[in-house]
């Protein structure tokens, strides 16, 4: 279960990074 939790956390973190990158690029700071 620890492995699954780590994987889920990593996926969530990646999702946040993608969202932040998309928002930043949209504002023209990319």
PDB file of N, CA and C in Angstrom:
ATOM      1  N   UNK A   1       0.842  -1.201   0.000  1.00  0.00           N
ATOM      2  CA  UNK A   1       0.000   0.000   0.000  1.00  0.00           C
ATOM      3  C   UNK A   1       0.878   1.253   0.000  1.00  0.00           C
ATOM      4  N   UNK A   2       2.037   1.164   0.617  1.00  0.00           N
ATOM      5  CA  UNK A   2       2.920   2.335   0.628  1.00  0.00           C
ATOM      6  C   UNK A   2       3.314   2.709  -0.792  1.00  0.00           C
ATOM      7  N   UNK A   3       3.599   1.709  -1.623  1.00  0.00           N
ATOM      8  CA  UNK A   3       3.993   1.980  -3.009  1.00  0.00           C
ATOM      9  C   UNK A   3       2.852   2.667  -3.749  1.00  0.00           C
ATOM     10  N   UNK A   4       1.638   2.170  -3.542  1.00  0.00           N
ATOM     11  CA  UNK A   4       0.490   2.765  -4.232  1.00  0.00           C
ATOM     12  C   UNK A   4       0.301   4.216  -3.786  1.00  0.00           C
ATOM     13  N   UNK A   5       0.467   4.448  -2.494  1.00  0.00           N
ATOM     14  CA  UNK A   5       0.303   5.810  -1.981  1.00  0.00           C
ATOM     15  C   UNK A   5       1.348   6.729  -2.594  1.00  0.00           C
ATOM     16  N   UNK A   6       2.580   6.261  -2.664  1.00  0.00           N
ATOM     17  CA  UNK A   6       3.646   7.084  -3.257  1.00  0.00           C
ATOM     18  C   UNK A   6       3.327   7.377  -4.717  1.00  0.00           C
ATOM     19  N   UNK A   7       2.864   6.370  -5.432  1.00  0.00           N
ATOM     20  CA  UNK A   7       2.540   6.556  -6.850  1.00  0.00           C
ATOM     21  C   UNK A   7       1.412   7.576  -6.995  1.00  0.00           C
ATOM     22  N   UNK A   8       0.377   7.431  -6.184  1.00  0.00           N
ATOM     23  CA  UNK A   8      -0.748   8.368  -6.266  1.00  0.00           C
ATOM     24  C   UNK A   8      -0.277   9.793  -5.975  1.00  0.00           C
ATOM     25  N   UNK A   9       0.564   9.939  -4.963  1.00  0.00           N
ATOM     26  CA  UNK A   9       1.069  11.265  -4.603  1.00  0.00           C
ATOM     27  C   UNK A   9       1.879  11.846  -5.751  1.00  0.00           C
ATOM     28  N   UNK A  10       2.700  10.995  -6.376  1.00  0.00           N
ATOM     29  CA  UNK A  10       3.532  11.465  -7.480  1.00  0.00           C
ATOM     30  C   UNK A  10       2.665  11.932  -8.639  1.00  0.00           C
ATOM     31  N   UNK A  11       1.615  11.158  -8.935  1.00  0.00           N
ATOM     32  CA  UNK A  11       0.715  11.517 -10.037  1.00  0.00           C
ATOM     33  C   UNK A  11       0.038  12.859  -9.732  1.00  0.00           C
ATOM     34  N   UNK A  12      -0.392  13.025  -8.491  1.00  0.00           N
ATOM     35  CA  UNK A  12      -1.046  14.283  -8.103  1.00  0.00           C
ATOM     36  C   UNK A  12      -0.080  15.443  -8.244  1.00  0.00           C
ATOM     37  N   UNK A  13       1.172  15.238  -7.790  1.00  0.00           N
ATOM     38  CA  UNK A  13       2.175  16.302  -7.895  1.00  0.00           C
ATOM     39  C   UNK A  13       2.401  16.659  -9.361  1.00  0.00           C
ATOM     40  N   UNK A  14       2.487  15.644 -10.206  1.00  0.00           N
ATOM     41  CA  UNK A  14       2.706  15.894 -11.632  1.00  0.00           C
ATOM     42  C   UNK A  14       1.532  16.688 -12.206  1.00  0.00           C
ATOM     43  N   UNK A  15       0.339  16.338 -11.784  1.00  0.00           N
ATOM     44  CA  UNK A  15      -0.860  17.042 -12.255  1.00  0.00           C
ATOM     45  C   UNK A  15      -0.806  18.514 -11.881  1.00  0.00           C
ATOM     46  N   UNK A  16      -0.347  18.778 -10.650  1.00  0.00           N
ATOM     47  CA  UNK A  16      -0.242  20.166 -10.200  1.00  0.00           C
ATOM     48  C   UNK A  16       0.790  20.921 -11.020  1.00  0.00           C
ATOM     49  N   UNK A  17       1.935  20.256 -11.280  1.00  0.00           N
ATOM     50  CA  UNK A  17       2.999  20.903 -12.062  1.00  0.00           C
ATOM     51  C   UNK A  17       2.491  21.245 -13.457  1.00  0.00           C
ATOM     52  N   UNK A  18       1.745  20.313 -14.055  1.00  0.00           N
ATOM     53  CA  UNK A  18       1.215  20.551 -15.406  1.00  0.00           C
ATOM     54  C   UNK A  18       0.239  21.726 -15.372  1.00  0.00           C
ATOM     55  N   UNK A  19      -0.608  21.746 -14.343  1.00  0.00           N
ATOM     56  CA  UNK A  19      -1.593  22.825 -14.228  1.00  0.00           C
ATOM     57  C   UNK A  19      -0.893  24.173 -14.064  1.00  0.00           C
ATOM     58  N   UNK A  20       0.109  24.209 -13.182  1.00  0.00           N
ATOM     59  CA  UNK A  20       0.837  25.463 -12.954  1.00  0.00           C
ATOM     60  C   UNK A  20       1.535  25.910 -14.227  1.00  0.00           C
ATOM     61  N   UNK A  21       2.142  24.967 -14.932  1.00  0.00           N
ATOM     62  CA  UNK A  21       2.858  25.303 -16.169  1.00  0.00           C
ATOM     63  C   UNK A  21       1.881  25.855 -17.207  1.00  0.00           C
ATOM     64  N   UNK A  22       0.711  25.229 -17.302  1.00  0.00           N
ATOM     65  CA  UNK A  22      -0.287  25.672 -18.273  1.00  0.00           C
ATOM     66  C   UNK A  22      -0.772  27.078 -17.929  1.00  0.00           C
ATOM     67  N   UNK A  23      -1.066  27.301 -16.657  1.00  0.00           N
ATOM     68  CA  UNK A  23      -1.537  28.626 -16.235  1.00  0.00           C
ATOM     69  C   UNK A  23      -0.464  29.681 -16.496  1.00  0.00           C
ATOM     70  N   UNK A  24       0.779  29.331 -16.168  1.00  0.00           N
ATOM     71  CA  UNK A  24       1.884  30.278 -16.363  1.00  0.00           C
ATOM     72  C   UNK A  24       2.044  30.620 -17.834  1.00  0.00           C
ATOM     73  N   UNK A  25       2.017  29.604 -18.686  1.00  0.00           N
ATOM     74  CA  UNK A  25       2.186  29.842 -20.128  1.00  0.00           C
ATOM     75  C   UNK A  25       1.048  30.703 -20.651  1.00  0.00           C
ATOM     76  N   UNK A  26      -0.161  30.458 -20.153  1.00  0.00           N
ATOM     77  CA  UNK A  26      -1.325  31.218 -20.624  1.00  0.00           C
ATOM     78  C   UNK A  26      -1.163  32.702 -20.304  1.00  0.00           C
ATOM     79  N   UNK A  27      -0.519  32.976 -19.142  1.00  0.00           N
ATOM     80  CA  UNK A  27      -0.336  34.371 -18.739  1.00  0.00           C
ATOM     81  C   UNK A  27       0.835  35.015 -19.455  1.00  0.00           C
ATOM     82  N   UNK A  28       1.610  34.196 -20.168  1.00  0.00           N
ATOM     83  CA  UNK A  28       2.716  34.743 -20.944  1.00  0.00           C
ATOM     84  C   UNK A  28       4.023  34.800 -20.175  1.00  0.00           C
ATOM     85  N   UNK A  29       4.101  34.066 -19.077  1.00  0.00           N
ATOM     86  CA  UNK A  29       5.347  34.058 -18.302  1.00  0.00           C
ATOM     87  C   UNK A  29       6.161  32.820 -18.608  1.00  0.00           C
ATOM     88  N   UNK A  30       5.699  31.994 -19.559  1.00  0.00           N
ATOM     89  CA  UNK A  30       6.374  30.755 -19.889  1.00  0.00           C
ATOM     90  C   UNK A  30       7.655  31.057 -20.620  1.00  0.00           C
TER      91      UNK A  30
END
